[in-house]
């Protein structure tokens, strides 16, 4: 059955919904969306709850215990909620500290990045062999053998690392049925 009124209501709601995404919210530019301005965002309540603090929670506990109007089960439930709120406040404070640490680290990123770029721009340092003035031929030959052993170990490691991507690909292909 055709119901034009119902269709108009649905189309009106769809138009309002679409318009809410196309125009910026008051005090907001189109380039910088505010938090909550995305599909499915829940708008904050018109009346905000009072901010909970540890002192106010302690006063609630005292009032709860002193109240003669509440039953014991109601007092126990209130106490449980207040204690859970106190625990969540502690977690919120911990998260706030962690967020501050992350923000400080984020602000240091450009400086660290510039230092890394400067370090990469420097030519690599070449280790120069230093031989003592009074070194004998036997001592120098022993040192040469040590350095050649280190070189062969480094070359072996380089070969292993260069072959690692191929080895991983082969292992993945074997695992695919």
Foldseek 3Di string as FASTA:
>chain_A
DDDVVVVVVVVVVVVVVVVLLPDADPPDDPVDHDPQSDPPRDDDDPDDDDDDDPVVLVVVLVCLVPDPPDDPVVSVVSNVVSVVVVVVVVVVVVVVVVVVVVVVVVVCVVVVVVVVVVVVVDDDDDDDDDDDPPDDPVRVVVVVVVVVVVVVVVVVVVVVVVCVVVVVVVVVVVVPD
